[in-house]
Amino acid sequence: MHTLRTLEAAGTSVGLAPYVPLVALFVLAAAFALFSVTAAPFIGPRRYNKAKLDAYECGIEPSPQPIVGGGRMPVAYYLTAMLFILFDIEMVFLYPFAVTSDALGVFGVVEIVLFIATVGFAYAYVWRRGGLDWN
């Protein structure tokens, strides 16, 4: 496999040729997105009712009052969002470990076990306090 330096040393001009597949992928993705957005009104179902036209407020019946000054948002929504972020970031930290687990050795295994235990304690705490119950 030739690297960029060996190709340049041999006098071969590389230019932007390595980026052609990437540009083609972006063009294909943009074309698919544009096609999907423009074709959906013509292809999709046209059965509208009152429930479909109402705003969806995450399970709460929409009220005519604005949230600012009119009422309080339930804390459960914010708690759920924070829990999602917490456990989502856990997966972000676990992925690099899974990729380089051979190179880290015993130190990496001990560190990841401590990390999983810490997140497990947080999960148990939230579960015990009822943060995962929807009443």
Protein backbone atom coordinates (compact mmCIF):
# COMPACT_ATOMS: atom_id res chain seq x y z
CA MET A 1 0.00 0.00 0.00
CA HIS A 2 1.48 3.30 -1.04
CA THR A 3 1.37 6.25 1.29
CA LEU A 4 1.05 9.84 0.20
CA ARG A 5 4.78 10.51 0.67
CA THR A 6 5.86 7.54 -1.42
CA LEU A 7 3.51 8.55 -4.21
CA GLU A 8 4.79 12.13 -4.12
CA ALA A 9 8.40 10.93 -4.04
CA ALA A 10 7.75 8.83 -7.11
CA GLY A 11 6.45 11.89 -8.92
CA THR A 12 2.83 10.81 -8.98
CA SER A 13 0.34 13.59 -8.39
CA VAL A 14 -2.36 12.59 -5.90
CA GLY A 15 -4.47 15.75 -5.71
CA LEU A 16 -7.99 15.41 -4.40
CA ALA A 17 -8.57 11.88 -5.70
CA PRO A 18 -8.72 10.26 -2.22
CA TYR A 19 -11.64 12.53 -1.31
CA VAL A 20 -13.87 11.53 -4.24
CA PRO A 21 -15.62 8.68 -2.34
CA LEU A 22 -16.27 10.98 0.62
CA VAL A 23 -17.76 13.68 -1.59
CA ALA A 24 -19.84 11.06 -3.40
CA LEU A 25 -21.16 9.82 -0.05
CA PHE A 26 -22.14 13.37 0.99
CA VAL A 27 -23.86 13.95 -2.36
CA LEU A 28 -25.72 10.66 -2.04
CA ALA A 29 -26.83 11.50 1.53
CA ALA A 30 -27.99 14.98 0.50
CA ALA A 31 -29.88 13.57 -2.49
CA PHE A 32 -31.61 10.98 -0.30
CA ALA A 33 -32.57 13.62 2.28
CA LEU A 34 -33.92 15.96 -0.39
CA PHE A 35 -35.85 13.15 -2.08
CA SER A 36 -37.32 11.99 1.25
CA VAL A 37 -38.49 15.47 2.21
CA THR A 38 -40.00 16.28 -1.17
CA ALA A 39 -41.63 12.87 -1.76
CA ALA A 40 -43.16 12.43 1.71
CA PRO A 41 -46.21 14.66 1.16
CA PHE A 42 -47.09 12.80 -2.04
CA ILE A 43 -46.42 9.25 -0.84
CA GLY A 44 -47.46 9.43 2.83
CA PRO A 45 -50.94 8.82 4.23
CA ARG A 46 -53.40 11.70 4.32
CA ARG A 47 -55.65 10.69 7.22
CA TYR A 48 -55.70 13.67 9.55
CA ASN A 49 -57.64 13.88 12.79
CA LYS A 50 -57.67 16.13 15.85
CA ALA A 51 -55.12 14.01 17.74
CA LYS A 52 -52.59 14.17 14.91
CA LEU A 53 -52.92 17.92 14.53
CA ASP A 54 -52.45 18.65 18.27
CA ALA A 55 -49.03 19.48 19.65
CA TYR A 56 -47.37 16.54 21.39
CA GLU A 57 -46.18 17.51 24.86
CA CYS A 58 -44.50 14.28 26.03
CA GLY A 59 -47.67 12.77 27.45
CA ILE A 60 -49.04 15.94 29.08
CA GLU A 61 -52.28 17.36 27.83
CA PRO A 62 -51.41 20.71 26.22
CA SER A 63 -52.74 23.65 28.15
CA PRO A 64 -53.74 27.05 26.79
CA GLN A 65 -51.44 28.75 29.33
CA PRO A 66 -47.84 29.31 28.44
CA ILE A 67 -45.30 27.56 30.64
CA VAL A 68 -43.55 30.80 31.54
CA GLY A 69 -45.42 32.16 34.54
CA GLY A 70 -48.48 30.01 33.92
CA GLY A 71 -47.49 26.69 35.42
CA ARG A 72 -44.65 24.43 36.38
CA MET A 73 -43.05 21.77 34.23
CA PRO A 74 -42.82 18.45 36.04
CA VAL A 75 -39.32 17.71 37.32
CA ALA A 76 -39.59 14.14 36.01
CA TYR A 77 -38.87 15.35 32.47
CA TYR A 78 -35.63 17.01 33.50
CA LEU A 79 -34.64 14.03 35.62
CA THR A 80 -35.23 11.67 32.71
CA ALA A 81 -33.16 13.88 30.42
CA MET A 82 -30.28 13.99 32.90
CA LEU A 83 -30.40 10.22 33.38
CA PHE A 84 -30.36 9.69 29.64
CA ILE A 85 -27.32 11.92 29.30
CA LEU A 86 -25.56 10.18 32.21
CA PHE A 87 -25.99 6.67 30.83
CA ASP A 88 -25.41 7.78 27.25
CA ILE A 89 -22.07 9.31 28.20
CA GLU A 90 -21.21 6.07 29.95
CA MET A 91 -21.49 4.29 26.61
CA VAL A 92 -19.32 6.96 24.98
CA PHE A 93 -16.59 6.22 27.53
CA LEU A 94 -16.96 2.45 27.21
CA TYR A 95 -16.54 2.37 23.44
CA PRO A 96 -12.86 3.43 23.32
CA PHE A 97 -12.09 0.86 26.00
CA ALA A 98 -13.71 -1.86 23.90
CA VAL A 99 -11.60 -0.84 20.92
CA THR A 100 -8.25 -0.74 22.79
CA SER A 101 -8.82 -3.31 25.52
CA ASP A 102 -5.79 -5.40 24.46
CA ALA A 103 -3.39 -2.47 24.68
CA LEU A 104 -4.57 -1.37 28.14
CA GLY A 105 -3.93 -4.66 29.89
CA VAL A 106 -4.80 -5.25 33.53
CA PHE A 107 -4.75 -1.53 34.36
CA GLY A 108 -7.47 -0.87 31.78
CA VAL A 109 -9.61 -3.72 33.07
CA VAL A 110 -9.36 -2.44 36.66
CA GLU A 111 -10.21 1.10 35.57
CA ILE A 112 -13.21 0.06 33.51
CA VAL A 113 -14.53 -2.15 36.33
CA LEU A 114 -14.28 0.83 38.70
CA PHE A 115 -16.04 3.02 36.14
CA ILE A 116 -18.86 0.51 35.62
CA ALA A 117 -19.20 0.08 39.40
CA THR A 118 -19.50 3.85 39.87
CA VAL A 119 -22.16 4.12 37.19
CA GLY A 120 -23.87 1.03 38.63
CA PHE A 121 -24.04 2.71 42.06
CA ALA A 122 -25.55 5.79 40.41
CA TYR A 123 -28.11 3.62 38.62
CA ALA A 124 -29.00 1.79 41.86
CA TYR A 125 -29.34 5.12 43.69
CA VAL A 126 -31.69 6.52 41.07
CA TRP A 127 -33.70 3.30 40.99
CA ARG A 128 -33.95 3.21 44.79
CA ARG A 129 -35.06 6.85 44.97
CA GLY A 130 -37.83 6.20 42.42
CA GLY A 131 -36.33 8.23 39.59
CA LEU A 132 -37.29 5.59 37.05
CA ASP A 133 -40.95 5.31 38.15
CA TRP A 134 -43.57 7.11 36.08
CA ASN A 135 -46.74 7.67 38.06
